[in-house]
């Protein structure tokens, strides 16, 4: 019987003692020849035809294999029965990597790039890697088994070979399994494959997020010549006036270099908006298109009308009412609260959320530009104390918008 355990731990194994006779089996003692292998209990009885489960415990104190015997003294005969036992003790094995993510960067298709990761055994016992399983056909390693002594380090090579596919990011991972440990350590693998010819924009989608109506948000729009030829851009056109391109209309990007235009989103109305930006160039697959999108939000701001702290929550009637084109909504907060104010039509459908912020205690007022069709509306406040979520206030009032 073989038992295995790491220093500082133990392994328990059950053995079955059977009585095949017609009389009660009395085991007077169970003695181990190894001090780190013990049994519990050390004496017991087994009825005729019955079984008894005895526990053997291995608590290693030495590294390596230790062999011994268990001696069972019973009423069967004057000679003790023996059971050969073997314990294998090992110290801690800790695999430490110099990085958790291995990024190969940009690699031309049809070529490969090798990168090394430092492995260190920071445990107290020899670490034997028995397998390295890699997901992702574009990643590989030649050496899948090796040994590290305590405190020893080595550099391990990984390779990234992207297939002939235009501009694509590849991801995978390497899982390391070692002997005597039910543990797998993962290393994330990542890399970009670049076509050998002419590339296209770095981004396939441009997200502006929420932008207030009449405001403008500008973000970079980078290009990269990922191939071996110069990228000549003839035009970059947006199909919507709310998304504008700034920069030269005609430009070139040298091989493996980048250039940047700028794109702006200036919403003219509430809600989501999107368009496609079309790029004409000497790329064989030209024209390319990039999706740009954002959401227009209401123009609201909060003002403190009074620093006097009211005793209760309140929601006042908006002013002016009817609205044309803007109105103010006043509310009172006895404590610092998370305040949400929504506008609904008469069918109970939410039209727009005009406020969603944490506001300090006091008499507060928001100004709202009503970019909605004429008609009756409801406005609803939901205020909740920041310090005491059980303290909450909800109220609804009517208002009319006339153009």
Protein backbone atom coordinates (compact mmCIF):
# COMPACT_ATOMS: atom_id res chain seq x y z
CA UNK A 1 0.00 0.00 0.00
CA UNK A 2 1.39 3.41 -1.01
CA UNK A 3 0.55 6.75 0.61
CA UNK A 4 1.62 10.21 -0.66
CA UNK A 5 1.44 13.58 1.10
CA UNK A 6 3.05 17.00 1.13
CA UNK A 7 4.98 18.28 4.16
CA UNK A 8 2.61 19.89 6.66
CA UNK A 9 -0.32 17.72 5.54
CA UNK A 10 -1.38 14.10 5.89
CA UNK A 11 -3.18 11.40 3.92
CA UNK A 12 -5.75 9.03 5.38
CA UNK A 13 -6.56 5.66 3.79
CA UNK A 14 -9.15 3.10 4.94
CA UNK A 15 -8.30 -0.59 5.04
CA UNK A 16 -10.95 -3.28 5.43
CA UNK A 17 -10.31 -6.06 7.96
CA UNK A 18 -12.64 -9.02 7.29
CA UNK A 19 -13.52 -11.97 9.54
CA UNK A 20 -14.18 -15.06 7.41
CA UNK A 21 -14.30 -17.41 10.44
CA UNK A 22 -17.03 -18.57 12.79
CA UNK A 23 -15.70 -16.83 15.90
CA UNK A 24 -15.16 -13.19 16.84
CA UNK A 25 -11.89 -11.76 15.57
CA UNK A 26 -10.08 -9.78 18.25
CA UNK A 27 -7.25 -7.53 17.06
CA UNK A 28 -5.21 -6.69 20.13
CA UNK A 29 -2.84 -4.21 18.50
CA UNK A 30 -1.76 -2.67 15.21
CA UNK A 31 1.88 -1.56 15.27
CA UNK A 32 3.64 0.40 12.52
CA UNK A 33 7.36 0.08 11.90
CA UNK A 34 7.37 3.68 10.60
CA UNK A 35 6.75 6.50 13.13
CA UNK A 36 4.97 8.70 10.56
CA UNK A 37 2.43 5.99 9.63
CA UNK A 38 -0.18 5.34 12.31
CA UNK A 39 -3.54 3.57 12.59
CA UNK A 40 -6.75 4.40 14.41
CA UNK A 41 -7.97 2.51 16.28
CA UNK A 42 -5.12 0.19 17.19
CA UNK A 43 -7.40 -2.50 18.65
CA UNK A 44 -10.88 -3.64 17.64
CA UNK A 45 -13.20 -6.64 17.25
CA UNK A 46 -14.83 -8.09 14.10
CA UNK A 47 -17.93 -10.32 14.28
CA UNK A 48 -18.05 -13.56 12.28
CA UNK A 49 -18.63 -12.75 8.61
CA UNK A 50 -18.25 -9.00 9.33
CA UNK A 51 -15.88 -6.21 8.27
CA UNK A 52 -14.11 -3.38 10.09
CA UNK A 53 -12.69 -0.20 8.55
CA UNK A 54 -9.41 0.85 10.09
CA UNK A 55 -7.78 4.22 9.24
CA UNK A 56 -4.13 4.49 8.23
CA UNK A 57 -2.63 8.00 8.40
CA UNK A 58 0.62 9.10 6.72
CA UNK A 59 2.23 12.34 8.00
CA UNK A 60 5.54 12.84 6.15
CA UNK A 61 8.59 14.14 7.98
CA UNK A 62 11.21 13.24 5.37
CA UNK A 63 11.48 13.83 1.66
CA UNK A 64 11.25 10.76 -0.55
CA UNK A 65 10.15 7.13 -0.14
CA UNK A 66 9.94 5.30 3.20
CA UNK A 67 9.01 1.61 3.39
CA UNK A 68 7.68 -0.29 6.42
CA UNK A 69 5.06 -2.69 7.73
CA UNK A 70 1.92 -2.78 9.82
CA UNK A 71 1.86 -5.67 12.34
CA UNK A 72 -1.62 -6.99 13.32
CA UNK A 73 -1.62 -9.05 16.54
CA UNK A 74 -4.90 -10.98 17.02
CA UNK A 75 -6.46 -14.12 18.52
CA UNK A 76 -6.10 -15.98 15.21
CA UNK A 77 -2.62 -17.29 15.93
CA UNK A 78 0.49 -16.45 17.77
CA UNK A 79 2.06 -14.91 14.66
CA UNK A 80 1.22 -11.29 13.73
CA UNK A 81 -0.20 -10.65 10.26
CA UNK A 82 1.74 -8.06 8.24
CA UNK A 83 0.80 -5.42 5.66
CA UNK A 84 3.55 -3.74 3.63
CA UNK A 85 3.18 0.09 3.52
CA UNK A 86 5.11 2.77 1.68
CA UNK A 87 4.99 6.51 2.24
CA UNK A 88 6.19 9.18 -0.18
CA UNK A 89 6.71 12.61 1.33
CA UNK A 90 7.38 15.78 -0.65
CA UNK A 91 7.80 19.46 0.13
CA UNK A 92 5.94 22.44 -1.30
CA UNK A 93 6.17 23.10 -5.03
CA UNK A 94 5.25 26.58 -6.22
CA UNK A 95 5.59 27.58 -9.87
CA UNK A 96 6.08 31.34 -10.21
CA UNK A 97 5.95 32.99 -13.67
CA UNK A 98 7.55 36.30 -14.60
CA UNK A 99 4.21 37.34 -16.16
CA UNK A 100 0.57 36.26 -16.16
CA UNK A 101 -0.09 37.34 -19.76
CA UNK A 102 2.33 36.78 -22.64
CA UNK A 103 1.61 39.34 -25.38
CA UNK A 104 3.44 38.72 -28.65
CA UNK A 105 2.28 42.03 -30.12
CA UNK A 106 1.94 42.42 -33.90
CA UNK A 107 3.38 39.63 -36.05
CA UNK A 108 3.20 39.39 -39.84
CA UNK A 109 1.28 36.39 -41.14
CA UNK A 110 3.49 33.67 -42.56
CA UNK A 111 6.20 34.49 -39.99
CA UNK A 112 6.63 33.68 -36.31
CA UNK A 113 7.90 35.29 -33.12
CA UNK A 114 9.51 33.57 -30.13
CA UNK A 115 9.20 35.00 -26.62
CA UNK A 116 10.50 33.69 -23.31
CA UNK A 117 8.89 33.51 -19.88
CA UNK A 118 10.91 32.95 -16.70
CA UNK A 119 9.77 30.01 -14.57
CA UNK A 120 10.90 29.78 -10.93
CA UNK A 121 10.31 27.06 -8.33
CA UNK A 122 9.74 29.11 -5.18
CA UNK A 123 8.82 26.01 -3.15
CA UNK A 124 10.92 23.76 -0.94
CA UNK A 125 10.94 20.62 -3.10
CA UNK A 126 11.78 19.60 -6.66
CA UNK A 127 9.11 20.61 -9.17
CA UNK A 128 8.56 18.29 -12.12
CA UNK A 129 6.40 19.68 -14.92
CA UNK A 130 4.84 16.71 -16.69
CA UNK A 131 2.70 18.51 -19.29
CA UNK A 132 2.09 21.89 -20.92
CA UNK A 133 -1.26 21.99 -22.71
CA UNK A 134 -1.75 24.93 -25.08
CA UNK A 135 -5.07 26.09 -26.50
CA UNK A 136 -5.03 27.97 -29.79
CA UNK A 137 -3.35 26.45 -32.83
CA UNK A 138 -1.25 29.57 -33.43
CA UNK A 139 0.69 29.17 -30.16
CA UNK A 140 3.22 26.42 -29.42
CA UNK A 141 6.16 25.36 -27.28
CA UNK A 142 8.75 22.68 -27.98
CA UNK A 143 9.57 21.66 -24.40
CA UNK A 144 6.53 20.32 -22.51
CA UNK A 145 8.29 18.58 -19.60
CA UNK A 146 11.14 19.73 -17.35
CA UNK A 147 12.37 19.77 -13.75
CA UNK A 148 13.11 22.70 -11.43
CA UNK A 149 15.01 22.33 -8.17
CA UNK A 150 13.98 24.49 -5.19
CA UNK A 151 14.85 28.12 -5.98
CA UNK A 152 15.86 27.26 -9.56
CA UNK A 153 14.76 29.38 -12.53
CA UNK A 154 14.71 28.79 -16.28
CA UNK A 155 13.56 30.63 -19.39
CA UNK A 156 10.89 28.83 -21.38
CA UNK A 157 10.27 29.58 -25.08
CA UNK A 158 6.82 30.08 -26.62
CA UNK A 159 6.08 30.74 -30.29
CA UNK A 160 3.29 32.65 -32.05
CA UNK A 161 2.69 31.93 -35.76
CA UNK A 162 -0.44 33.69 -37.08
CA UNK A 163 -2.12 32.20 -40.17
CA UNK A 164 -2.62 34.12 -43.39
CA UNK A 165 -5.63 36.10 -42.23
CA UNK A 166 -6.10 39.83 -42.39
CA UNK A 167 -5.63 41.74 -39.08
CA UNK A 168 -6.92 39.54 -36.28
CA UNK A 169 -6.26 39.10 -32.59
CA UNK A 170 -5.56 35.59 -31.32
CA UNK A 171 -5.80 34.40 -27.73
CA UNK A 172 -5.11 31.16 -25.92
CA UNK A 173 -3.51 29.87 -22.75
CA UNK A 174 -0.83 27.47 -21.58
CA UNK A 175 -1.69 25.16 -18.67
CA UNK A 176 1.15 23.62 -16.64
CA UNK A 177 0.58 20.37 -14.75
CA UNK A 178 3.16 18.96 -12.37
CA UNK A 179 3.54 15.68 -10.54
CA UNK A 180 2.35 15.20 -6.96
CA UNK A 181 0.10 18.28 -7.16
CA UNK A 182 -3.52 18.53 -8.22
CA UNK A 183 -2.92 22.03 -9.56
CA UNK A 184 -2.83 23.68 -12.97
CA UNK A 185 -1.24 27.08 -13.56
CA UNK A 186 -2.46 29.07 -16.58
CA UNK A 187 -0.53 31.56 -18.70
CA UNK A 188 -2.66 33.73 -20.99
CA UNK A 189 -1.31 34.01 -24.56
CA UNK A 190 -2.19 36.87 -26.91
CA UNK A 191 -1.03 38.24 -30.25
CA UNK A 192 -2.10 40.07 -33.41
CA UNK A 193 -1.68 38.64 -36.89
CA UNK A 194 -1.00 41.21 -39.62
CA UNK A 195 -1.46 40.57 -43.32
CA UNK A 196 1.72 40.98 -45.35
CA UNK A 197 0.04 43.43 -47.73
CA UNK A 198 -1.72 46.69 -46.81
CA UNK A 199 -3.69 47.00 -43.58
CA UNK A 200 -6.81 48.89 -42.59
CA UNK A 201 -7.86 51.02 -39.54
CA UNK A 202 -6.84 49.81 -36.10
CA UNK A 203 -10.41 50.07 -34.81
CA UNK A 204 -13.34 48.18 -36.28
CA UNK A 205 -15.77 50.10 -34.07
CA UNK A 206 -15.71 53.53 -32.41
CA UNK A 207 -17.78 54.00 -29.25
CA UNK A 208 -18.51 57.49 -27.91
CA UNK A 209 -20.87 56.46 -25.09
CA UNK A 210 -23.20 59.10 -23.64
CA UNK A 211 -22.79 62.68 -24.88
CA UNK A 212 -25.09 65.54 -23.89
CA UNK A 213 -27.07 67.19 -26.66
CA UNK A 214 -25.30 70.33 -27.99
CA UNK A 215 -22.00 69.06 -26.52
CA UNK A 216 -19.24 67.33 -28.49
CA UNK A 217 -16.88 64.46 -27.73
CA UNK A 218 -13.72 63.84 -29.77
CA UNK A 219 -11.63 60.66 -29.73
CA UNK A 220 -8.64 59.44 -31.81
CA UNK A 221 -9.19 57.39 -34.96
CA UNK A 222 -5.87 55.56 -35.62
CA UNK A 223 -4.68 53.88 -38.82
CA UNK A 224 -1.79 51.42 -39.23
CA UNK A 225 0.05 50.13 -42.24
CA UNK A 226 0.57 46.62 -40.95
CA UNK A 227 1.92 45.21 -44.18
CA UNK A 228 5.02 45.68 -46.25
CA UNK A 229 3.50 48.37 -48.52
CA UNK A 230 2.63 52.01 -47.89
CA UNK A 231 -1.03 52.59 -47.04
CA UNK A 232 -2.41 55.42 -49.21
CA UNK A 233 -5.74 56.75 -47.96
CA UNK A 234 -7.75 58.67 -50.57
CA UNK A 235 -10.69 59.68 -48.37
CA UNK A 236 -12.40 59.04 -45.05
CA UNK A 237 -16.11 59.81 -45.18
CA UNK A 238 -18.78 59.81 -42.48
CA UNK A 239 -22.36 59.11 -43.55
CA UNK A 240 -23.84 61.29 -40.78
CA UNK A 241 -23.36 64.96 -39.95
CA UNK A 242 -23.36 64.19 -36.22
CA UNK A 243 -20.11 62.25 -36.66
CA UNK A 244 -17.32 64.34 -38.15
CA UNK A 245 -13.75 63.51 -39.20
CA UNK A 246 -10.93 66.01 -38.66
CA UNK A 247 -7.54 65.73 -40.29
CA UNK A 248 -6.14 65.56 -43.83
CA UNK A 249 -8.46 64.09 -46.46
CA UNK A 250 -5.58 62.38 -48.25
CA UNK A 251 -2.61 60.87 -46.39
CA UNK A 252 -0.15 57.99 -46.43
CA UNK A 253 1.16 55.66 -43.72
CA UNK A 254 4.55 54.03 -44.11
CA UNK A 255 4.89 50.24 -43.54
CA UNK A 256 4.48 49.25 -39.89
CA UNK A 257 3.78 52.86 -38.88
CA UNK A 258 0.65 54.53 -37.54
CA UNK A 259 -1.19 57.79 -38.17
CA UNK A 260 -4.19 59.27 -36.40
CA UNK A 261 -7.24 61.22 -37.45
CA UNK A 262 -9.81 62.55 -34.98
CA UNK A 263 -13.52 61.80 -34.89
CA UNK A 264 -16.20 63.87 -33.13
CA UNK A 265 -19.76 63.09 -32.07
CA UNK A 266 -22.14 66.04 -31.56
CA UNK A 267 -25.66 64.66 -30.97
CA UNK A 268 -28.61 66.81 -32.05
CA UNK A 269 -31.27 64.71 -30.33
CA UNK A 270 -31.87 62.23 -27.55
CA UNK A 271 -31.21 58.52 -27.87
CA UNK A 272 -28.77 56.28 -29.74
CA UNK A 273 -27.17 57.38 -33.00
CA UNK A 274 -24.77 55.58 -35.30
CA UNK A 275 -23.16 55.71 -38.70
CA UNK A 276 -20.53 54.02 -40.82
CA UNK A 277 -17.25 55.70 -41.69
CA UNK A 278 -16.06 54.59 -45.11
CA UNK A 279 -12.32 54.54 -45.92
CA UNK A 280 -11.08 54.48 -49.52
CA UNK A 281 -7.45 53.42 -49.92
CA UNK A 282 -5.09 51.27 -51.97
CA UNK A 283 -5.93 48.26 -49.78
CA UNK A 284 -7.05 45.39 -52.05
CA UNK A 285 -10.25 45.09 -50.01
CA UNK A 286 -11.05 48.83 -50.11
CA UNK A 287 -13.40 50.42 -49.25
CA UNK A 288 -13.38 49.52 -45.55
CA UNK A 289 -16.08 50.61 -43.10
CA UNK A 290 -15.97 51.35 -39.38
CA UNK A 291 -19.07 51.57 -37.18
CA UNK A 292 -19.31 54.69 -35.01
CA UNK A 293 -22.02 55.06 -32.38
CA UNK A 294 -23.06 57.05 -29.35
CA UNK A 295 -26.08 58.19 -27.37
CA UNK A 296 -27.44 61.71 -27.02
CA UNK A 297 -28.47 62.55 -23.47
CA UNK A 298 -30.41 65.42 -21.99
CA UNK A 299 -28.84 68.72 -20.97
CA UNK A 300 -29.45 68.84 -17.24
CA UNK A 301 -27.53 70.41 -14.39
CA UNK A 302 -28.14 70.59 -10.66
CA UNK A 303 -28.00 73.78 -8.65
CA UNK A 304 -28.16 74.37 -4.90
CA UNK A 305 -30.98 76.84 -4.18
CA UNK A 306 -30.50 76.73 -0.42
CA UNK A 307 -28.04 75.17 1.97
CA UNK A 308 -30.80 74.92 4.59
CA UNK A 309 -31.45 71.22 5.23
CA UNK A 310 -35.15 70.28 4.94
CA UNK A 311 -36.61 67.82 7.45
CA UNK A 312 -38.29 65.63 4.81
CA UNK A 313 -37.98 64.73 1.14
CA UNK A 314 -40.08 66.80 -1.30
CA UNK A 315 -40.75 67.29 -5.02
CA UNK A 316 -42.06 70.65 -6.22
CA UNK A 317 -44.12 71.45 -9.32
CA UNK A 318 -41.90 72.24 -12.28
CA UNK A 319 -41.62 75.89 -13.41
CA UNK A 320 -42.54 77.14 -15.89
CA UNK A 321 -45.42 74.83 -16.71
CA UNK A 322 -46.34 74.53 -19.58
CA UNK A 323 -42.75 74.08 -20.77
CA UNK A 324 -41.25 75.94 -23.73
CA UNK A 325 -38.50 75.01 -24.25
CA UNK A 326 -36.96 74.35 -20.81
CA UNK A 327 -38.09 74.00 -17.23
CA UNK A 328 -36.72 73.62 -13.72
CA UNK A 329 -37.52 70.78 -11.35
CA UNK A 330 -36.97 71.49 -7.65
CA UNK A 331 -36.60 68.86 -4.93
CA UNK A 332 -35.61 68.74 -1.27
CA UNK A 333 -33.21 66.25 0.32
CA UNK A 334 -32.90 65.86 4.11
CA UNK A 335 -29.77 63.74 3.65
CA UNK A 336 -27.20 63.01 0.95
CA UNK A 337 -29.07 60.85 -1.55
CA UNK A 338 -28.86 59.06 -4.88
CA UNK A 339 -31.49 60.84 -7.00
CA UNK A 340 -33.06 59.55 -10.23
CA UNK A 341 -35.58 61.67 -12.17
CA UNK A 342 -37.36 60.13 -15.18
CA UNK A 343 -39.87 61.57 -17.66
CA UNK A 344 -42.85 59.41 -18.74
CA UNK A 345 -45.60 59.89 -21.31
CA UNK A 346 -49.28 59.47 -20.39
CA UNK A 347 -49.09 55.77 -21.37
CA UNK A 348 -46.57 55.18 -18.61
CA UNK A 349 -43.64 54.69 -21.03
CA UNK A 350 -40.31 56.19 -19.95
CA UNK A 351 -39.21 58.86 -22.41
CA UNK A 352 -35.88 59.94 -20.96
CA UNK A 353 -33.87 59.90 -17.74
CA UNK A 354 -32.96 63.50 -16.99
CA UNK A 355 -30.98 63.02 -13.78
CA UNK A 356 -29.08 60.14 -12.15
CA UNK A 357 -26.53 61.36 -9.62
CA UNK A 358 -25.71 61.58 -5.92
CA UNK A 359 -26.75 64.99 -4.56
CA UNK A 360 -25.96 66.61 -1.23
CA UNK A 361 -28.68 67.44 1.31
CA UNK A 362 -30.53 70.74 0.74
CA UNK A 363 -32.98 72.33 -1.71
CA UNK A 364 -31.82 71.34 -5.21
CA UNK A 365 -32.93 72.26 -8.70
CA UNK A 366 -32.19 70.82 -12.15
CA UNK A 367 -32.69 72.63 -15.46
CA UNK A 368 -34.01 70.47 -18.28
CA UNK A 369 -34.15 71.24 -22.00
CA UNK A 370 -37.31 69.44 -23.10
CA UNK A 371 -36.40 67.88 -26.46
CA UNK A 372 -39.68 65.97 -26.69
CA UNK A 373 -42.92 66.28 -28.71
CA UNK A 374 -45.70 68.52 -27.42
CA UNK A 375 -48.14 66.98 -24.95
CA UNK A 376 -48.69 65.99 -21.31
CA UNK A 377 -45.95 64.20 -19.36
CA UNK A 378 -45.22 62.86 -15.90
CA UNK A 379 -41.97 63.35 -14.01
CA UNK A 380 -40.97 60.93 -11.24
CA UNK A 381 -38.32 61.25 -8.54
CA UNK A 382 -36.74 58.29 -6.76
CA UNK A 383 -34.40 59.43 -3.99
CA UNK A 384 -32.57 57.01 -1.69
CA UNK A 385 -30.34 57.87 1.25
CA UNK A 386 -26.69 57.01 0.62
CA UNK A 387 -26.06 56.14 4.27
CA UNK A 388 -29.41 54.43 4.96
CA UNK A 389 -30.83 52.61 1.88
CA UNK A 390 -34.04 51.92 3.82
CA UNK A 391 -34.78 55.68 3.70
CA UNK A 392 -36.35 56.25 0.30
CA UNK A 393 -38.69 58.80 -1.34
CA UNK A 394 -40.76 58.39 -4.54
CA UNK A 395 -43.18 60.99 -5.97
CA UNK A 396 -44.80 61.77 -9.35
CA UNK A 397 -46.13 65.05 -10.79
CA UNK A 398 -47.65 66.20 -14.11
CA UNK A 399 -46.31 68.75 -16.60
CA UNK A 400 -47.15 69.90 -20.16
CA UNK A 401 -44.82 70.71 -23.02
CA UNK A 402 -46.03 73.19 -25.66
CA UNK A 403 -44.02 74.27 -28.67
